[in-house]
Each structure stands twice: as C-alpha cells, then as structure tokens.
N, C-alpha and C. Protein backbone atom coordinates (compact mmCIF):
# COMPACT_ATOMS: atom_id res chain seq x y z
N UNK A 1 72.71 116.37 206.67
CA UNK A 1 73.76 115.57 206.30
C UNK A 1 74.83 116.03 207.48
N UNK A 2 74.81 117.02 208.11
CA UNK A 2 75.69 117.46 209.19
C UNK A 2 75.37 116.44 210.33
N UNK A 3 74.31 116.27 210.71
CA UNK A 3 73.95 115.50 211.83
C UNK A 3 74.26 113.88 211.51
N UNK A 4 74.22 113.39 210.37
CA UNK A 4 74.70 112.19 209.84
C UNK A 4 76.36 112.13 210.15
N UNK A 5 77.02 113.24 209.76
CA UNK A 5 78.31 113.39 209.89
C UNK A 5 78.97 113.25 211.39
N UNK A 6 77.91 113.79 212.17
CA UNK A 6 78.19 113.61 213.66
C UNK A 6 78.15 112.23 214.21
N UNK A 7 77.07 111.70 213.77
CA UNK A 7 77.08 110.18 214.11
C UNK A 7 78.14 109.47 213.51
N UNK A 8 78.73 109.57 212.44
CA UNK A 8 79.78 108.95 211.87
C UNK A 8 81.06 109.27 212.74
N UNK A 9 81.41 110.57 213.10
CA UNK A 9 82.37 110.93 214.08
C UNK A 9 82.28 110.10 215.27
N UNK A 10 81.15 110.18 215.92
CA UNK A 10 80.93 109.60 217.21
C UNK A 10 81.11 108.05 217.06
N UNK A 11 80.76 107.40 216.13
CA UNK A 11 80.94 105.88 215.99
C UNK A 11 82.31 105.66 215.60
N UNK A 12 83.10 106.49 214.96
CA UNK A 12 84.48 106.13 214.74
C UNK A 12 85.38 106.39 216.05
N UNK A 13 84.88 107.45 216.89
CA UNK A 13 85.56 107.54 218.21
C UNK A 13 85.27 106.44 218.98
N UNK A 14 83.98 105.94 219.05
CA UNK A 14 83.64 104.61 219.72
C UNK A 14 84.36 103.49 219.40
N UNK A 15 84.60 103.39 218.16
CA UNK A 15 85.24 102.30 217.52
C UNK A 15 86.91 102.30 218.05
N UNK A 16 87.38 103.43 217.90
CA UNK A 16 88.80 103.60 218.33
C UNK A 16 89.08 103.24 219.80
N UNK A 17 88.00 103.78 220.64
CA UNK A 17 88.21 103.42 221.96
C UNK A 17 87.88 101.86 222.25
N UNK A 18 87.01 101.27 221.63
CA UNK A 18 86.82 99.89 221.79
C UNK A 18 88.05 99.00 221.40
N UNK A 19 88.57 99.30 220.24
CA UNK A 19 89.70 98.52 219.84
C UNK A 19 91.01 98.76 220.72
N UNK A 20 91.17 99.98 221.40
CA UNK A 20 92.15 100.14 222.32
C UNK A 20 91.97 99.47 223.60
N UNK A 21 90.71 99.55 224.26
CA UNK A 21 90.40 98.91 225.29
C UNK A 21 90.60 97.16 225.20
N UNK A 22 90.15 96.86 224.17
CA UNK A 22 90.05 95.20 223.81
C UNK A 22 91.54 94.80 223.29
N UNK A 23 92.29 95.62 222.79
CA UNK A 23 93.58 95.26 222.35
C UNK A 23 93.56 94.40 221.14
N UNK A 24 92.45 94.18 220.49
CA UNK A 24 92.60 93.35 219.29
C UNK A 24 91.37 94.16 218.29
N UNK A 25 91.65 93.92 217.02
CA UNK A 25 90.71 94.54 215.94
C UNK A 25 90.33 93.32 215.10
N UNK A 26 89.29 92.56 215.25
CA UNK A 26 88.88 91.42 214.41
C UNK A 26 87.31 91.48 214.03
N UNK A 27 87.05 90.38 213.44
CA UNK A 27 85.61 90.43 212.76
C UNK A 27 84.49 90.42 213.86
N UNK A 28 84.92 89.95 215.20
CA UNK A 28 83.89 89.80 216.09
C UNK A 28 83.42 91.19 216.70
N UNK A 29 84.19 92.31 216.46
CA UNK A 29 83.71 93.55 216.92
C UNK A 29 82.90 94.24 215.90
N UNK A 30 82.97 93.72 214.62
CA UNK A 30 82.29 94.52 213.49
C UNK A 30 80.81 94.56 213.70
N UNK A 31 80.05 93.50 214.05
CA UNK A 31 78.53 93.47 214.28
C UNK A 31 78.13 94.53 215.34
N UNK A 32 79.00 94.60 216.46
CA UNK A 32 78.62 95.48 217.42
C UNK A 32 78.98 97.01 217.07
N UNK A 33 80.07 97.12 216.28
CA UNK A 33 80.42 98.51 215.83
C UNK A 33 79.25 98.97 214.84
N UNK A 34 78.63 98.09 213.93
CA UNK A 34 77.78 98.52 213.07
C UNK A 34 76.46 98.86 213.74
N UNK A 35 76.06 97.92 214.63
CA UNK A 35 74.81 98.16 215.70
C UNK A 35 74.97 99.49 216.36
N UNK A 36 76.30 99.84 216.65
CA UNK A 36 76.31 101.13 217.45
C UNK A 36 76.20 102.30 216.65
N UNK A 37 76.67 102.18 215.36
CA UNK A 37 76.53 103.22 214.35
C UNK A 37 75.27 103.46 213.97
N UNK A 38 74.39 102.37 213.88
CA UNK A 38 73.08 102.67 213.60
C UNK A 38 72.44 103.37 214.68
N UNK A 39 72.45 102.84 215.88
CA UNK A 39 71.82 103.68 216.95
C UNK A 39 72.33 104.85 217.08
N UNK A 40 73.54 105.35 216.91
CA UNK A 40 74.01 106.74 216.81
C UNK A 40 73.34 107.54 215.55
N UNK A 41 73.19 107.06 214.43
CA UNK A 41 72.46 107.70 213.32
C UNK A 41 71.19 108.10 213.84
N UNK A 42 70.40 107.02 214.51
CA UNK A 42 68.90 107.25 214.72
C UNK A 42 68.95 108.38 215.86
N UNK A 43 69.79 108.40 216.79
CA UNK A 43 69.87 109.32 217.74
C UNK A 43 70.17 110.69 217.30
N UNK A 44 71.08 110.73 216.25
CA UNK A 44 71.30 112.13 215.53
C UNK A 44 70.01 112.65 214.62
N UNK A 45 69.38 111.46 214.24
CA UNK A 45 68.15 111.94 213.51
C UNK A 45 67.17 112.52 214.46
N UNK A 46 66.97 111.90 215.57
CA UNK A 46 66.06 112.57 216.52
C UNK A 46 66.50 113.91 216.95
N UNK A 47 67.93 114.22 216.99
CA UNK A 47 68.29 115.49 217.39
C UNK A 47 67.97 116.45 216.39
N UNK A 48 68.04 115.95 215.20
CA UNK A 48 67.48 116.79 213.82
C UNK A 48 66.39 117.25 213.97
N UNK A 49 65.52 116.14 214.37
CA UNK A 49 63.90 116.40 214.62
C UNK A 49 63.74 117.57 215.52
N UNK A 50 64.32 117.58 216.66
CA UNK A 50 64.06 118.57 217.79
C UNK A 50 64.52 119.72 217.19
N UNK A 51 65.55 119.93 216.55
CA UNK A 51 66.19 121.32 216.17
C UNK A 51 65.27 121.79 214.94
N UNK A 52 64.73 120.94 214.08
CA UNK A 52 63.85 121.47 213.10
C UNK A 52 62.50 121.91 213.73
N UNK A 53 62.11 121.14 214.80
CA UNK A 53 60.80 121.47 215.27
C UNK A 53 60.88 122.93 215.92
N UNK A 54 62.01 123.00 216.61
CA UNK A 54 62.19 124.45 217.21
C UNK A 54 62.30 125.60 216.17
N UNK A 55 62.84 125.25 214.93
CA UNK A 55 63.04 126.21 213.92
C UNK A 55 61.47 126.41 213.27
N UNK A 56 60.84 125.23 213.40
CA UNK A 56 59.50 125.39 212.72
C UNK A 56 58.68 126.36 213.57
N UNK A 57 58.81 126.25 214.77
CA UNK A 57 57.96 127.14 215.85
C UNK A 57 58.41 128.52 215.57
N UNK A 58 59.87 128.59 215.45
CA UNK A 58 60.39 130.05 215.40
C UNK A 58 59.78 130.70 213.95
N UNK A 59 59.72 129.92 212.90
CA UNK A 59 59.24 130.49 211.66
C UNK A 59 57.75 130.83 211.68
N UNK A 60 57.06 130.04 212.50
CA UNK A 60 55.61 130.27 212.57
C UNK A 60 55.37 131.71 213.41
N UNK A 61 56.21 132.16 214.44
CA UNK A 61 55.98 133.23 215.06
C UNK A 61 56.19 134.42 214.10
N UNK A 62 57.06 134.37 213.00
CA UNK A 62 57.36 135.45 212.22
C UNK A 62 56.24 135.56 211.01
N UNK A 63 55.64 134.52 210.80
CA UNK A 63 54.76 134.59 209.73
C UNK A 63 53.46 135.36 209.87
N UNK A 64 52.72 135.93 208.93
CA UNK A 64 51.64 136.56 209.00
C UNK A 64 50.29 135.84 209.77
N UNK A 65 50.32 134.66 209.08
CA UNK A 65 48.95 133.82 209.48
C UNK A 65 49.39 132.89 210.70
N UNK A 66 50.64 133.01 211.14
CA UNK A 66 50.91 132.12 212.42
C UNK A 66 51.21 130.74 211.83
N UNK A 67 51.65 130.36 210.63
CA UNK A 67 51.74 129.13 210.22
C UNK A 67 53.47 129.25 209.65
N UNK A 68 53.99 128.28 209.74
CA UNK A 68 55.25 127.90 209.25
C UNK A 68 55.25 127.78 207.71
N UNK A 69 55.92 128.46 206.93
CA UNK A 69 56.07 128.28 205.35
C UNK A 69 56.61 126.78 204.93
N UNK A 70 57.20 126.18 205.94
CA UNK A 70 57.63 124.71 205.46
C UNK A 70 56.85 123.77 206.44
N UNK A 71 56.26 122.83 205.92
CA UNK A 71 55.68 121.81 206.80
C UNK A 71 56.52 120.74 207.39
N UNK A 72 56.11 120.12 208.46
CA UNK A 72 56.96 119.14 208.90
C UNK A 72 57.22 117.95 208.07
N UNK A 73 56.35 117.63 207.15
CA UNK A 73 56.56 116.66 206.20
C UNK A 73 57.67 116.96 205.12
N UNK A 74 57.61 118.20 204.78
CA UNK A 74 58.70 118.59 203.82
C UNK A 74 60.00 118.61 204.70
N UNK A 75 60.14 118.86 205.90
CA UNK A 75 61.36 118.81 206.48
C UNK A 75 61.80 117.45 206.74
N UNK A 76 60.77 116.59 207.01
CA UNK A 76 61.01 115.05 207.23
C UNK A 76 61.80 114.63 205.88
N UNK A 77 61.13 114.88 204.58
CA UNK A 77 61.69 114.35 203.53
C UNK A 77 62.93 114.91 203.17
N UNK A 78 63.04 116.10 203.35
CA UNK A 78 64.52 116.71 203.14
C UNK A 78 65.60 116.20 204.04
N UNK A 79 65.22 116.22 205.30
CA UNK A 79 66.15 115.40 206.27
C UNK A 79 66.59 114.07 205.79
N UNK A 80 65.60 113.31 205.45
CA UNK A 80 65.80 111.73 205.22
C UNK A 80 66.72 111.83 203.87
N UNK A 81 66.34 112.57 203.01
CA UNK A 81 67.01 112.60 201.61
C UNK A 81 68.64 112.99 201.91
N UNK A 82 68.76 113.98 202.90
CA UNK A 82 70.15 114.34 203.14
C UNK A 82 70.99 113.34 203.88
N UNK A 83 70.29 112.58 204.70
CA UNK A 83 70.79 111.41 205.41
C UNK A 83 71.18 110.41 204.35
N UNK A 84 70.36 110.07 203.54
CA UNK A 84 70.65 109.13 202.57
C UNK A 84 71.64 109.40 201.49
N UNK A 85 71.79 110.75 201.14
CA UNK A 85 72.78 111.15 200.07
C UNK A 85 74.26 111.04 200.83
N UNK A 86 74.25 111.79 202.05
CA UNK A 86 75.73 111.79 202.66
C UNK A 86 76.00 110.32 203.01
N UNK A 87 75.13 109.47 203.48
CA UNK A 87 75.38 107.98 203.80
C UNK A 87 75.83 107.29 202.54
N UNK A 88 75.22 107.53 201.29
CA UNK A 88 75.57 106.86 199.93
C UNK A 88 76.90 107.23 199.70
N UNK A 89 77.21 108.65 199.71
CA UNK A 89 78.52 109.13 199.21
C UNK A 89 79.66 108.36 200.18
N UNK A 90 79.45 108.23 201.36
CA UNK A 90 80.58 107.66 202.06
C UNK A 90 80.54 106.10 201.93
N UNK A 91 79.33 105.42 201.71
CA UNK A 91 79.48 104.19 201.37
C UNK A 91 80.21 103.76 199.99
N UNK A 92 80.04 104.64 199.12
CA UNK A 92 80.51 104.24 197.66
C UNK A 92 81.94 104.86 197.22
N UNK A 93 82.43 105.82 198.15
CA UNK A 93 83.64 106.47 197.91
C UNK A 93 84.69 105.58 197.83
N UNK A 94 84.87 104.74 198.84
CA UNK A 94 86.10 103.57 198.86
C UNK A 94 85.98 102.69 197.79
N UNK A 95 84.67 102.36 197.54
CA UNK A 95 84.56 101.28 196.38
C UNK A 95 84.98 101.86 195.01
N UNK A 96 84.53 103.22 194.80
CA UNK A 96 84.95 103.88 193.61
C UNK A 96 86.46 104.00 193.31
N UNK A 97 87.14 104.23 194.71
CA UNK A 97 88.64 104.42 194.79
C UNK A 97 89.14 102.99 194.29
N UNK A 98 88.60 101.99 194.84
CA UNK A 98 89.15 100.58 194.60
C UNK A 98 88.97 100.29 193.04
N UNK A 99 87.83 100.67 192.43
CA UNK A 99 87.49 100.29 191.08
C UNK A 99 88.56 101.09 190.03
N UNK A 100 89.13 101.94 190.37
CA UNK A 100 90.28 102.61 189.67
C UNK A 100 91.51 101.71 189.38
N UNK A 101 91.61 100.57 190.06
CA UNK A 101 92.66 99.57 189.90
C UNK A 101 93.72 99.89 190.84
N UNK A 102 94.83 99.11 190.64
CA UNK A 102 95.10 98.07 189.68
C UNK A 102 94.35 96.67 190.14
N UNK A 103 94.29 95.87 189.10
CA UNK A 103 93.52 94.55 189.47
C UNK A 103 92.32 94.37 188.79
N UNK A 104 91.81 93.04 188.69
CA UNK A 104 90.71 92.82 188.07
C UNK A 104 89.72 92.13 188.99
N UNK A 105 88.50 92.51 189.01
CA UNK A 105 87.44 91.90 190.09
C UNK A 105 87.10 90.41 189.67
N UNK A 106 87.18 89.68 190.58
CA UNK A 106 86.99 88.25 190.36
C UNK A 106 88.03 87.44 189.89
N UNK A 107 89.28 87.96 189.74
CA UNK A 107 90.31 87.26 189.22
C UNK A 107 90.85 86.24 190.35
N UNK A 108 90.58 86.28 191.52
CA UNK A 108 91.02 85.38 192.59
C UNK A 108 89.85 84.49 193.03
N UNK A 109 88.72 84.42 192.27
CA UNK A 109 87.68 83.71 192.57
C UNK A 109 86.67 84.57 193.42
N UNK A 110 86.70 85.77 193.47
CA UNK A 110 85.74 86.61 194.15
C UNK A 110 84.66 86.91 193.10
N UNK A 111 83.55 87.44 193.70
CA UNK A 111 82.38 87.61 192.93
C UNK A 111 82.65 88.87 191.78
N UNK A 112 82.31 88.65 190.53
CA UNK A 112 82.52 89.71 189.59
C UNK A 112 81.54 90.67 189.59
N UNK A 113 80.38 90.61 190.49
CA UNK A 113 79.34 91.55 190.49
C UNK A 113 79.48 92.39 191.79
N UNK A 114 80.77 92.51 192.23
CA UNK A 114 81.08 93.35 193.58
C UNK A 114 80.45 94.73 193.32
N UNK A 115 80.95 95.37 192.37
CA UNK A 115 80.72 96.87 192.07
C UNK A 115 79.44 97.01 191.77
N UNK A 116 78.66 96.33 190.85
CA UNK A 116 77.34 96.67 190.57
C UNK A 116 76.36 96.33 191.72
N UNK A 117 76.77 95.34 192.61
CA UNK A 117 76.04 95.04 193.72
C UNK A 117 76.04 96.12 194.86
N UNK A 118 77.26 96.68 194.93
CA UNK A 118 77.65 97.76 195.74
C UNK A 118 76.68 98.88 195.26
N UNK A 119 76.63 99.18 194.03
CA UNK A 119 75.84 100.55 193.43
C UNK A 119 74.47 100.22 193.78
N UNK A 120 73.90 99.04 193.78
CA UNK A 120 72.46 98.85 194.02
C UNK A 120 72.25 98.94 195.51
N UNK A 121 73.02 98.40 196.37
CA UNK A 121 72.94 98.64 197.69
C UNK A 121 72.98 99.90 198.35
N UNK A 122 73.87 100.84 197.64
CA UNK A 122 73.94 102.25 198.03
C UNK A 122 72.68 103.16 197.61
N UNK A 123 72.02 102.58 196.48
CA UNK A 123 70.76 103.13 196.04
C UNK A 123 69.76 102.83 197.08
N UNK A 124 69.73 101.47 197.48
CA UNK A 124 68.67 101.19 198.41
C UNK A 124 68.86 101.77 199.71
N UNK A 125 70.08 102.16 200.20
CA UNK A 125 70.14 102.99 201.40
C UNK A 125 69.86 104.43 201.36
N UNK A 126 69.99 104.91 200.07
CA UNK A 126 69.52 106.35 200.05
C UNK A 126 68.12 106.35 200.05
N UNK A 127 67.53 105.31 199.42
CA UNK A 127 65.92 105.39 199.34
C UNK A 127 65.41 105.03 200.95
N UNK A 128 66.00 104.25 201.48
CA UNK A 128 65.55 103.78 202.91
C UNK A 128 65.74 104.93 203.91
N UNK A 129 66.88 105.72 203.90
CA UNK A 129 67.11 106.90 204.70
C UNK A 129 65.87 107.74 204.54
N UNK A 130 65.47 107.94 203.29
CA UNK A 130 64.54 108.93 202.83
C UNK A 130 63.19 108.52 203.61
N UNK A 131 62.94 107.27 203.39
CA UNK A 131 61.54 106.68 203.85
C UNK A 131 61.69 106.71 205.33
N UNK A 132 62.80 106.51 205.90
CA UNK A 132 63.11 106.49 207.33
C UNK A 132 62.69 107.82 207.99
N UNK A 133 63.27 108.69 207.26
CA UNK A 133 63.11 109.93 207.71
C UNK A 133 61.70 110.53 207.76
N UNK A 134 60.87 110.08 206.84
CA UNK A 134 59.50 110.56 206.83
C UNK A 134 58.70 109.79 207.93
N UNK A 135 58.93 108.56 208.13
CA UNK A 135 58.18 107.76 208.98
C UNK A 135 58.77 108.14 210.55
N UNK A 136 59.99 108.38 210.63
CA UNK A 136 60.58 108.87 212.01
C UNK A 136 60.11 110.09 212.44
N UNK A 137 60.03 111.16 211.57
CA UNK A 137 59.54 112.48 212.03
C UNK A 137 58.03 112.32 212.31
N UNK A 138 57.22 111.52 211.60
CA UNK A 138 55.67 111.29 212.04
C UNK A 138 55.70 110.63 213.28
N UNK A 139 56.52 109.61 213.41
CA UNK A 139 56.28 108.93 214.75
C UNK A 139 56.71 109.93 215.89
N UNK A 140 57.68 110.76 215.66
CA UNK A 140 58.16 111.63 216.84
C UNK A 140 56.95 112.73 217.00
N UNK A 141 56.43 113.09 216.01
CA UNK A 141 55.22 114.23 216.15
C UNK A 141 54.04 113.71 216.81
N UNK A 142 53.86 112.49 216.35
CA UNK A 142 52.46 111.75 217.06
C UNK A 142 52.86 110.99 218.21
N UNK A 143 54.15 110.98 218.71
CA UNK A 143 54.58 110.19 219.89
C UNK A 143 54.27 108.75 219.78
N UNK A 144 54.52 108.15 218.72
CA UNK A 144 54.24 106.71 218.55
C UNK A 144 55.57 105.97 218.69
N UNK A 145 55.74 105.26 219.85
CA UNK A 145 56.92 104.47 219.87
C UNK A 145 57.01 103.16 219.26
N UNK A 146 55.92 102.84 218.75
CA UNK A 146 56.04 101.64 217.65
C UNK A 146 56.66 102.02 216.37
N UNK A 147 56.38 103.04 215.75
CA UNK A 147 56.77 103.42 214.58
C UNK A 147 58.46 103.80 214.75
N UNK A 148 58.96 104.47 215.97
CA UNK A 148 60.24 104.73 216.12
C UNK A 148 60.96 103.13 216.29
N UNK A 149 60.40 102.22 216.94
CA UNK A 149 60.95 101.04 217.12
C UNK A 149 61.01 100.27 215.83
N UNK A 150 60.14 100.41 214.76
CA UNK A 150 60.29 99.73 213.62
C UNK A 150 61.27 100.46 212.83
N UNK A 151 61.57 101.81 212.62
CA UNK A 151 62.49 102.50 212.04
C UNK A 151 63.84 101.97 212.49
N UNK A 152 64.19 102.03 213.67
CA UNK A 152 65.32 101.57 214.28
C UNK A 152 65.64 100.08 214.00
N UNK A 153 64.42 99.12 214.21
CA UNK A 153 64.71 97.73 213.84
C UNK A 153 65.17 97.38 212.53
N UNK A 154 64.35 98.04 211.54
CA UNK A 154 64.66 97.91 210.05
C UNK A 154 66.01 98.45 209.54
N UNK A 155 66.48 99.42 210.40
CA UNK A 155 67.71 99.87 210.07
C UNK A 155 68.82 98.96 210.48
N UNK A 156 68.57 98.43 211.83
CA UNK A 156 69.61 97.29 212.15
C UNK A 156 69.42 95.99 211.44
N UNK A 157 68.26 95.59 210.85
CA UNK A 157 68.12 94.62 209.93
C UNK A 157 69.05 94.74 208.60
N UNK A 158 68.74 95.92 208.09
CA UNK A 158 69.46 96.33 206.94
C UNK A 158 70.87 96.25 207.01
N UNK A 159 71.37 96.81 208.04
CA UNK A 159 72.88 96.69 208.15
C UNK A 159 73.29 95.39 208.67
N UNK A 160 72.55 94.52 209.34
CA UNK A 160 72.99 93.08 209.55
C UNK A 160 72.99 92.32 208.30
N UNK A 161 72.05 92.68 207.34
CA UNK A 161 71.97 91.69 206.11
C UNK A 161 73.43 91.96 205.20
N UNK A 162 73.86 93.10 205.36
CA UNK A 162 75.07 93.32 204.61
C UNK A 162 76.27 92.36 204.87
N UNK A 163 76.10 91.85 206.14
CA UNK A 163 77.17 90.92 206.52
C UNK A 163 77.17 89.65 205.86
N UNK A 164 75.94 89.44 205.15
CA UNK A 164 76.16 88.20 204.46
C UNK A 164 76.76 88.29 202.95
N UNK A 165 77.10 89.46 202.77
CA UNK A 165 78.09 89.51 201.55
C UNK A 165 79.34 88.71 201.74
N UNK A 166 79.79 88.23 200.63
CA UNK A 166 79.51 88.35 199.12
C UNK A 166 78.24 87.23 198.77
N UNK A 167 77.41 86.72 199.61
CA UNK A 167 76.35 86.00 199.32
C UNK A 167 75.33 87.11 198.92
N UNK A 168 75.29 87.55 197.71
CA UNK A 168 74.53 88.78 197.36
C UNK A 168 73.06 88.44 197.41
N UNK A 169 72.86 87.13 196.88
CA UNK A 169 71.30 86.88 196.80
C UNK A 169 70.61 86.82 198.09
N UNK A 170 71.37 86.62 199.14
CA UNK A 170 70.59 86.67 200.55
C UNK A 170 70.64 88.03 201.07
N UNK A 171 71.57 89.00 200.65
CA UNK A 171 71.53 90.19 201.10
C UNK A 171 70.55 91.31 200.24
N UNK A 172 71.12 91.34 199.01
CA UNK A 172 70.26 92.24 198.00
C UNK A 172 68.95 92.13 197.97
N UNK A 173 68.42 90.86 197.84
CA UNK A 173 67.05 90.64 197.61
C UNK A 173 66.14 91.10 199.01
N UNK A 174 66.43 90.65 200.20
CA UNK A 174 65.67 91.00 201.26
C UNK A 174 65.90 92.44 201.50
N UNK A 175 66.98 93.35 201.23
CA UNK A 175 67.06 94.77 201.25
C UNK A 175 66.08 95.45 200.36
N UNK A 176 66.09 95.01 199.11
CA UNK A 176 65.01 95.69 198.18
C UNK A 176 63.72 95.35 198.60
N UNK A 177 63.45 94.23 199.11
CA UNK A 177 61.97 93.81 199.51
C UNK A 177 61.68 94.93 200.73
N UNK A 178 62.69 94.88 201.66
CA UNK A 178 62.45 96.00 202.63
C UNK A 178 62.45 97.48 202.30
N UNK A 179 63.05 97.59 201.33
CA UNK A 179 62.98 98.94 200.69
C UNK A 179 61.51 99.39 200.14
N UNK A 180 61.08 98.30 199.51
CA UNK A 180 59.57 98.63 198.72
C UNK A 180 58.61 98.73 199.93
N UNK A 181 58.66 97.93 201.01
CA UNK A 181 57.68 97.83 202.09
C UNK A 181 57.88 99.25 202.80
N UNK A 182 59.08 99.67 203.11
CA UNK A 182 59.36 100.94 203.85
C UNK A 182 58.77 102.04 203.05
N UNK A 183 59.02 101.92 201.63
CA UNK A 183 58.54 103.14 200.76
C UNK A 183 57.01 103.21 200.89
N UNK A 184 56.26 102.03 200.67
CA UNK A 184 54.92 102.11 200.86
C UNK A 184 54.33 102.52 202.08
N UNK A 185 55.14 102.21 203.35
CA UNK A 185 54.76 102.76 204.42
C UNK A 185 54.89 104.20 204.53
N UNK A 186 56.05 104.69 204.13
CA UNK A 186 56.37 106.14 204.16
C UNK A 186 55.19 106.94 203.25
N UNK A 187 54.93 106.34 202.10
CA UNK A 187 53.88 106.93 201.23
C UNK A 187 52.53 107.06 202.02
N UNK A 188 52.18 106.03 202.64
CA UNK A 188 50.91 106.12 203.48
C UNK A 188 50.94 107.11 204.66
N UNK A 189 52.32 107.11 205.32
CA UNK A 189 52.53 108.23 206.22
C UNK A 189 52.29 109.39 206.04
N UNK A 190 52.92 109.87 204.73
CA UNK A 190 52.83 111.07 204.21
C UNK A 190 51.41 111.69 203.57
N UNK A 191 50.36 110.70 203.93
CA UNK A 191 49.03 110.94 203.37
C UNK A 191 48.82 110.45 202.04
N UNK A 192 49.52 109.73 201.40
CA UNK A 192 49.28 109.07 200.18
C UNK A 192 48.30 107.93 200.10
N UNK A 193 47.58 107.80 198.95
CA UNK A 193 46.63 106.78 198.84
C UNK A 193 46.66 106.32 197.41
N UNK A 194 46.02 105.06 197.21
CA UNK A 194 45.93 104.49 195.81
C UNK A 194 44.94 105.28 195.07
N UNK A 195 43.88 105.97 195.71
CA UNK A 195 43.02 106.59 194.98
C UNK A 195 43.62 108.15 194.62
N UNK A 196 44.42 108.69 195.29
CA UNK A 196 45.10 109.92 194.70
C UNK A 196 46.04 109.56 193.72
N UNK A 197 46.89 108.37 193.64
CA UNK A 197 47.66 108.02 192.67
C UNK A 197 46.87 107.82 191.26
N UNK A 198 45.73 107.22 191.28
CA UNK A 198 44.91 107.05 190.14
C UNK A 198 44.45 108.45 189.66
N UNK A 199 44.08 109.33 190.56
CA UNK A 199 43.63 110.74 190.01
C UNK A 199 44.95 111.36 189.61
N UNK A 200 46.06 111.24 190.06
CA UNK A 200 47.14 111.99 189.57
C UNK A 200 47.52 111.48 188.08
N UNK A 201 47.29 110.06 188.09
CA UNK A 201 47.53 109.42 186.69
C UNK A 201 46.64 109.89 185.61
N UNK A 202 45.33 110.06 186.04
CA UNK A 202 44.29 110.19 185.09
C UNK A 202 44.19 111.83 184.88
N UNK A 203 44.95 112.59 185.74
CA UNK A 203 44.90 114.01 185.55
C UNK A 203 43.55 114.69 185.64
N UNK A 204 42.75 114.30 186.45
CA UNK A 204 41.41 114.57 186.90
C UNK A 204 41.39 115.31 188.20
N UNK A 205 40.49 116.19 188.28
CA UNK A 205 40.36 116.84 189.48
C UNK A 205 38.91 116.85 189.90
N UNK A 206 38.74 116.80 191.35
CA UNK A 206 37.64 117.01 191.86
C UNK A 206 36.64 118.28 191.52
N UNK A 207 35.48 118.35 191.36
CA UNK A 207 34.67 119.60 190.95
C UNK A 207 34.94 120.65 192.11
N UNK A 208 35.01 120.50 193.39
CA UNK A 208 35.43 121.31 194.33
C UNK A 208 36.70 122.05 194.26
N UNK A 209 37.76 121.05 193.73
CA UNK A 209 39.16 121.55 193.43
C UNK A 209 39.10 122.43 192.23
N UNK A 210 38.31 122.01 191.23
CA UNK A 210 38.34 122.87 190.08
C UNK A 210 37.66 124.35 190.32
N UNK A 211 36.73 124.38 191.06
CA UNK A 211 36.02 125.58 191.51
C UNK A 211 37.10 126.40 192.22
N UNK A 212 37.78 125.89 193.06
CA UNK A 212 38.80 126.67 193.87
C UNK A 212 39.92 127.20 193.12
N UNK A 213 40.32 126.43 192.04
CA UNK A 213 41.16 126.74 190.97
C UNK A 213 40.74 128.04 190.16
N UNK A 214 39.49 127.81 189.70
CA UNK A 214 39.01 128.98 188.76
C UNK A 214 38.89 130.07 189.70
N UNK A 215 38.41 130.11 190.87
CA UNK A 215 38.41 131.26 191.88
C UNK A 215 39.69 131.91 191.94
N UNK A 216 40.70 131.08 192.28
CA UNK A 216 42.18 131.66 192.43
C UNK A 216 42.64 132.33 191.15
N UNK A 217 42.34 131.83 189.98
CA UNK A 217 42.75 132.37 188.83
C UNK A 217 41.73 133.46 188.32
N UNK A 218 40.53 133.56 189.01
CA UNK A 218 39.58 134.69 188.64
C UNK A 218 39.03 134.29 187.22
N UNK A 219 38.93 133.17 186.96
CA UNK A 219 38.34 132.78 185.54
C UNK A 219 36.85 132.06 185.92
N UNK A 220 36.07 132.69 185.29
CA UNK A 220 34.63 131.83 185.45
C UNK A 220 34.51 130.36 184.91
N UNK A 221 34.24 129.49 185.72
CA UNK A 221 34.14 128.10 185.21
C UNK A 221 33.17 127.98 184.00
N UNK A 222 33.45 127.09 183.20
CA UNK A 222 32.65 126.72 181.95
C UNK A 222 31.35 126.10 182.20
C-alpha cells in the first residue's frame, strides 16, 4: 500500500508540473495523466517486487532449512491485494463524500446508476490489482517480458475504459470480462487447475496425500 501511495504522490507531482508548464488544465491532459499514473503504479509494483525479493533472501538465510517461511506467491497475493485495497479506498472516498449530499443523483438528467456503478468498478479494480500482482511477480521471477507487457497493457486498457463513463454499458461490461479473464490467468499462474478445483469440491485426497497425513498425525491408516 505504501508503494501505491508513492506512485500516487509521483503522479500528482507530475500532473501539477504539467499543468503549470502548459498553462491550462483541460480534458485533453486527462488521458495522458491517467496513462502516466498507470505506468508509475507498475513501476512501484516492480520496486515492491525487488524489495520483497531481497527480504525473502534475507529470511532464507536465518531459517534452519535455508528456505524462506513466506513463498513468493504469498508475497505476490498480499502485495496485489494491498495495491487493490488502497486503490479502491482512494477511488471511492470522494464518491462517498458526494453521496452524503446535498442533491439528488440524476435530477439534471445524469445517470441514476452513478453510485452503484462506481461501487462495481471499485470492486473490479481491487480484484484486478490482486490478479495483476500475482501475474506480475511471477513474470518478474521467471523473467517473462510478455507477462509484464500484458499486465501493463491490461492496466492501461482498464484505465482507458473508464473514460467512456457515463456510458456504463461500454465500460463496466468489458472491465468485468477483463477481470474474469485476468482472474483465470492468475489462477493458472499460481498453479491452480480445474482438476484441483474438482478435488477441493469433492473433498477427496489422493492415496499418497492420505498416507502423508496419517504419518504426520502418527495415526495408522485404516
């Protein structure tokens, strides 16, 4: 969350400098500002990965078996979730403040679905940041430039789709489709499979897994 706040600070400073240099503050600068903010967020995500990687190596040196007690996938999940939560908080704070009034949504012909749509968009962003964190860390660990490019590209696409508001059908639908696809990609990246899901739902274990469980509990198998 701290790294995301750093990216927000850097984006705010960049916006202030751009407005002062151009001498104007209009809608033409907003897409460029949004793109710069996305790139700064991903840059801070990479800095977060490097720091956690160093911390992981340090924890491994102090452990008895030479392994870190926290896996890189766990770090990726927590980092992505933290990015998502702090991003969602900042996205929804001003909207919640406006919802306190005065005024009525839609009274001047605006969409009456503004607040509920903003809530769904915030939820999608929290999930997307979580999925992006898992995919991004895995791509950095395996040095896959394609994975990094797809994360940055999908982040830019999501940010760009929000400019279609208040045409919510054109923004909310594609963003949720992108969220679903990214979630499946993150699930696969984390080692998940359809077979594991079926085993989890059926509450069945493999014979080898059962033997290991009995051995760990020191209970003779039936």
